[in-house]
């Protein structure tokens, strides 16, 4: 081989070696960057799709429902009990990688969830609902709702009697409900933090009205007199909100 050609060969070989040693990591890094980006996008999409429960802002002051529900109970009920349900269900969603995107989907699959997710998800939803179906001053059911109640229970007074009975006969902790079941109004109750949207609930329907009969909802004011709590609660029912849920 001529001297000049040999020199060119060696130079070319050295360049190729340098490029190869530099290029391999660069190509590898690019591949990793692409993979990392794809995984990040997937994780972000999953995070965006996952449900997160949020505590509704209380529609009134803590003392607004007095003398029927006292300010101290409202404060503790909202800031301690309800806030804990919100935190715990969101923790369960993260820990168990629950991927449902809506509350409706979450409750339609409650039978597949852990006790932590089910109980705290119910507590989060039920209390959000409860705050909204109450207001200072209460009122009376507006026309369409009044007609529906009269048509289903003969009269408003008989409706109140049946709903009160559901609240009073719920043994231990739970909820009394008025629901719309495919156009038919029904009254029933659920234990603990179950609700009528859950696929494994014995009582089902679209909630219109709810009453919390856990002791923490009334014990500071009424002690063991659940009957007095239920009787006074009728004074703060937000019938306009109930009617809006019937439509």
Protein backbone atom coordinates (compact mmCIF):
# COMPACT_ATOMS: atom_id res chain seq x y z
CA UNK A 1 0.00 0.00 0.00
CA UNK A 2 1.33 3.42 -0.88
CA UNK A 3 2.33 5.68 2.01
CA UNK A 4 -0.30 8.30 1.14
CA UNK A 5 -3.10 5.74 0.87
CA UNK A 6 -2.10 4.12 4.16
CA UNK A 7 -2.24 7.50 5.92
CA UNK A 8 -5.77 8.16 4.54
CA UNK A 9 -6.90 4.67 5.59
CA UNK A 10 -5.71 5.18 9.15
CA UNK A 11 -7.35 8.62 9.35
CA UNK A 12 -10.64 7.26 8.03
CA UNK A 13 -10.58 4.36 10.49
CA UNK A 14 -9.91 6.68 13.41
CA UNK A 15 -12.80 8.96 12.41
CA UNK A 16 -15.15 5.99 12.07
CA UNK A 17 -14.16 4.73 15.52
CA UNK A 18 -14.73 8.14 17.10
CA UNK A 19 -18.08 8.58 15.37
CA UNK A 20 -19.19 5.10 16.40
CA UNK A 21 -18.19 5.58 20.02
CA UNK A 22 -19.94 8.95 20.13
CA UNK A 23 -22.95 8.02 18.03
CA UNK A 24 -24.03 4.89 19.88
CA UNK A 25 -24.72 6.66 23.16
CA UNK A 26 -26.36 9.52 21.28
CA UNK A 27 -28.68 7.15 19.46
CA UNK A 28 -29.35 5.25 22.70
CA UNK A 29 -30.06 8.50 24.52
CA UNK A 30 -32.45 9.60 21.78
CA UNK A 31 -34.29 6.29 22.00
CA UNK A 32 -34.53 6.59 25.77
CA UNK A 33 -35.72 10.17 25.46
CA UNK A 34 -38.43 9.08 23.05
CA UNK A 35 -39.47 6.25 25.33
CA UNK A 36 -39.40 8.53 28.35
CA UNK A 37 -41.57 11.07 26.56
CA UNK A 38 -44.04 8.39 25.52
CA UNK A 39 -44.23 7.02 29.05
CA UNK A 40 -44.66 10.52 30.46
CA UNK A 41 -47.47 11.24 28.00
CA UNK A 42 -49.15 7.98 28.94
CA UNK A 43 -48.79 8.69 32.65
CA UNK A 44 -50.17 12.20 32.13
CA UNK A 45 -53.13 10.87 30.17
CA UNK A 46 -53.84 8.32 32.90
CA UNK A 47 -53.60 11.02 35.57
CA UNK A 48 -55.96 13.27 33.65
CA UNK A 49 -58.43 10.43 33.12
CA UNK A 50 -58.43 9.29 36.76
CA UNK A 51 -61.25 10.54 38.95
CA UNK A 52 -60.51 12.91 41.81
CA UNK A 53 -63.24 13.69 44.33
CA UNK A 54 -63.53 17.31 45.46
CA UNK A 55 -65.33 18.82 48.43
CA UNK A 56 -68.01 21.29 47.38
CA UNK A 57 -67.93 24.69 49.01
CA UNK A 58 -70.52 24.86 51.76
CA UNK A 59 -73.41 26.91 50.26
CA UNK A 60 -74.06 28.76 53.55
CA UNK A 61 -72.42 29.69 56.84
CA UNK A 62 -72.03 27.09 59.58
CA UNK A 63 -74.71 28.82 61.66
CA UNK A 64 -77.12 29.39 58.78
CA UNK A 65 -79.24 26.30 59.51
CA UNK A 66 -79.74 27.04 63.21
CA UNK A 67 -81.66 26.28 65.33
CA UNK A 68 -82.34 23.11 63.34
CA UNK A 69 -78.67 22.17 62.84
CA UNK A 70 -76.14 23.90 65.07
CA UNK A 71 -73.00 25.68 63.89
CA UNK A 72 -70.57 23.46 65.84
CA UNK A 73 -71.97 20.30 64.29
CA UNK A 74 -71.83 21.84 60.81
CA UNK A 75 -68.22 22.91 61.32
CA UNK A 76 -67.06 19.49 62.53
CA UNK A 77 -69.21 17.60 60.05
CA UNK A 78 -67.89 19.56 57.06
CA UNK A 79 -64.27 20.21 58.03
CA UNK A 80 -63.49 16.94 59.81
CA UNK A 81 -65.78 14.11 58.69
CA UNK A 82 -66.41 15.14 55.10
CA UNK A 83 -62.87 16.37 54.50
CA UNK A 84 -61.55 13.00 55.72
CA UNK A 85 -63.75 11.11 53.25
CA UNK A 86 -62.46 13.29 50.40
CA UNK A 87 -58.81 12.72 51.35
CA UNK A 88 -59.23 8.99 51.94
CA UNK A 89 -61.04 8.21 48.70
CA UNK A 90 -58.45 10.13 46.68
CA UNK A 91 -55.70 8.24 48.50
CA UNK A 92 -57.44 4.97 47.64
CA UNK A 93 -57.75 5.98 43.98
CA UNK A 94 -54.00 6.66 43.86
CA UNK A 95 -52.94 3.62 45.88
CA UNK A 96 -55.16 1.17 44.00
CA UNK A 97 -54.67 2.84 40.60
CA UNK A 98 -58.43 3.16 40.11
CA UNK A 99 -58.90 4.46 36.58
CA UNK A 100 -62.60 5.34 36.44
CA UNK A 101 -63.11 8.80 34.98
CA UNK A 102 -66.43 9.87 36.56
CA UNK A 103 -68.29 9.47 39.83
CA UNK A 104 -71.07 7.62 37.98
CA UNK A 105 -68.56 5.11 36.61
CA UNK A 106 -66.95 4.78 40.05
CA UNK A 107 -70.24 3.92 41.73
CA UNK A 108 -71.38 1.66 38.88
CA UNK A 109 -68.35 -0.50 39.72
CA UNK A 110 -68.37 -0.26 43.51
CA UNK A 111 -68.60 -4.04 43.86
CA UNK A 112 -65.10 -4.27 42.34
CA UNK A 113 -63.55 -1.75 44.74
CA UNK A 114 -61.92 -2.08 48.14
CA UNK A 115 -63.81 -1.24 51.31
CA UNK A 116 -61.67 1.90 51.65
CA UNK A 117 -62.58 3.15 48.18
CA UNK A 118 -66.25 2.24 48.53
CA UNK A 119 -66.82 3.69 52.00
CA UNK A 120 -64.90 6.90 51.47
CA UNK A 121 -66.18 7.41 47.94
CA UNK A 122 -69.71 7.12 49.29
CA UNK A 123 -68.93 9.50 52.14
CA UNK A 124 -67.44 12.04 49.74
CA UNK A 125 -70.41 11.98 47.34
CA UNK A 126 -73.17 11.67 49.94
CA UNK A 127 -72.02 14.71 51.89
CA UNK A 128 -71.54 16.85 48.79
CA UNK A 129 -75.13 15.97 47.96
CA UNK A 130 -76.39 16.57 51.51
CA UNK A 131 -75.04 20.12 51.79
CA UNK A 132 -76.74 21.12 48.56
CA UNK A 133 -80.22 19.84 49.41
CA UNK A 134 -80.38 22.09 52.47
CA UNK A 135 -80.68 25.85 52.82
CA UNK A 136 -81.73 28.43 55.42
CA UNK A 137 -85.47 28.86 55.59
CA UNK A 138 -86.37 25.71 53.70
CA UNK A 139 -89.61 26.20 51.83
CA UNK A 140 -92.12 23.97 50.08
CA UNK A 141 -91.83 21.75 46.99
CA UNK A 142 -92.48 23.73 43.78
CA UNK A 143 -95.20 22.73 41.33
CA UNK A 144 -93.71 19.89 39.25
CA UNK A 145 -92.03 18.30 42.26
CA UNK A 146 -95.16 18.69 44.37
CA UNK A 147 -97.19 16.96 41.64
CA UNK A 148 -94.67 14.12 41.46
CA UNK A 149 -94.71 13.67 45.24
CA UNK A 150 -98.49 13.73 45.41
CA UNK A 151 -98.73 11.31 42.51
CA UNK A 152 -96.33 8.84 44.14
CA UNK A 153 -97.29 9.14 47.82
CA UNK A 154 -100.86 10.56 47.70
CA UNK A 155 -99.89 13.69 49.65
CA UNK A 156 -96.92 15.64 50.92
CA UNK A 157 -97.73 14.66 54.49
CA UNK A 158 -97.72 10.95 53.63
CA UNK A 159 -94.44 11.43 51.80
CA UNK A 160 -92.93 13.03 54.92
CA UNK A 161 -94.23 10.17 57.07
CA UNK A 162 -92.66 7.54 54.82
CA UNK A 163 -89.36 9.38 54.49
CA UNK A 164 -89.21 9.95 58.27
CA UNK A 165 -89.87 6.25 58.81
CA UNK A 166 -86.98 5.35 56.48
CA UNK A 167 -84.69 7.65 58.48
CA UNK A 168 -85.87 6.37 61.86
CA UNK A 169 -85.78 2.66 61.03
CA UNK A 170 -82.28 2.69 59.54
CA UNK A 171 -80.45 0.75 62.23
CA UNK A 172 -77.12 2.26 63.18
CA UNK A 173 -75.46 4.63 60.72
CA UNK A 174 -76.72 5.39 57.24
CA UNK A 175 -78.85 7.55 54.98
CA UNK A 176 -82.49 8.05 54.00
CA UNK A 177 -83.17 8.80 50.32
CA UNK A 178 -85.78 9.94 47.85
CA UNK A 179 -84.84 8.69 44.40
CA UNK A 180 -86.15 8.76 40.86
CA UNK A 181 -86.24 5.18 39.62
CA UNK A 182 -87.03 5.35 35.89
CA UNK A 183 -89.76 7.94 36.42
CA UNK A 184 -91.06 6.56 39.71
CA UNK A 185 -90.29 8.27 43.01
CA UNK A 186 -89.19 5.88 45.76
CA UNK A 187 -88.13 6.19 49.39
CA UNK A 188 -85.52 3.97 51.00
CA UNK A 189 -82.31 3.90 53.03
CA UNK A 190 -78.75 2.66 52.78
CA UNK A 191 -76.28 1.58 55.48
CA UNK A 192 -73.04 3.34 56.34
CA UNK A 193 -71.88 5.48 53.38
CA UNK A 194 -73.59 3.45 50.65
CA UNK A 195 -75.81 5.28 48.18
CA UNK A 196 -78.40 4.37 45.52
CA UNK A 197 -75.88 4.82 42.68
CA UNK A 198 -73.77 1.86 43.79
CA UNK A 199 -74.10 -1.28 41.73
CA UNK A 200 -74.20 -3.43 44.87
CA UNK A 201 -76.72 -1.30 46.77
CA UNK A 202 -80.00 -2.94 47.73
CA UNK A 203 -81.77 0.37 47.08
CA UNK A 204 -81.16 2.01 43.70
CA UNK A 205 -82.19 5.11 41.77
CA UNK A 206 -81.13 8.66 40.95
CA UNK A 207 -80.86 10.61 44.24
CA UNK A 208 -83.18 13.58 44.69
CA UNK A 209 -83.07 14.09 48.45
CA UNK A 210 -80.86 12.67 51.21
CA UNK A 211 -80.73 12.78 54.99
CA UNK A 212 -77.63 11.81 56.95
CA UNK A 213 -78.60 9.79 60.04
CA UNK A 214 -75.11 9.04 61.27
CA UNK A 215 -74.82 10.13 64.90
CA UNK A 216 -72.08 12.61 64.03
CA UNK A 217 -74.73 14.54 62.05
CA UNK A 218 -76.82 15.35 65.10
CA UNK A 219 -75.45 14.03 68.40
CA UNK A 220 -73.93 17.28 69.75
CA UNK A 221 -77.33 18.98 69.68
CA UNK A 222 -79.84 16.15 69.89
CA UNK A 223 -77.86 13.37 71.65
CA UNK A 224 -79.84 10.15 71.11
CA UNK A 225 -83.02 11.93 69.94
CA UNK A 226 -82.83 11.17 66.25
CA UNK A 227 -86.58 11.79 65.96
CA UNK A 228 -86.14 15.46 66.94
CA UNK A 229 -83.27 15.89 64.49
CA UNK A 230 -85.32 14.43 61.63
CA UNK A 231 -88.39 16.49 62.51
CA UNK A 232 -86.40 19.75 62.55
CA UNK A 233 -84.42 18.88 59.42
CA UNK A 234 -87.59 19.29 57.33
CA UNK A 235 -87.34 23.04 58.07
CA UNK A 236 -84.13 23.38 56.05
CA UNK A 237 -84.78 21.21 52.97
CA UNK A 238 -83.84 23.04 49.76
CA UNK A 239 -86.83 22.04 47.64
CA UNK A 240 -85.69 24.09 44.66
CA UNK A 241 -82.49 22.01 44.53
CA UNK A 242 -84.50 18.79 44.83
CA UNK A 243 -86.78 19.91 42.02
CA UNK A 244 -83.80 20.71 39.77
CA UNK A 245 -82.61 17.13 40.14
CA UNK A 246 -85.98 15.78 39.07
CA UNK A 247 -85.80 17.49 35.69
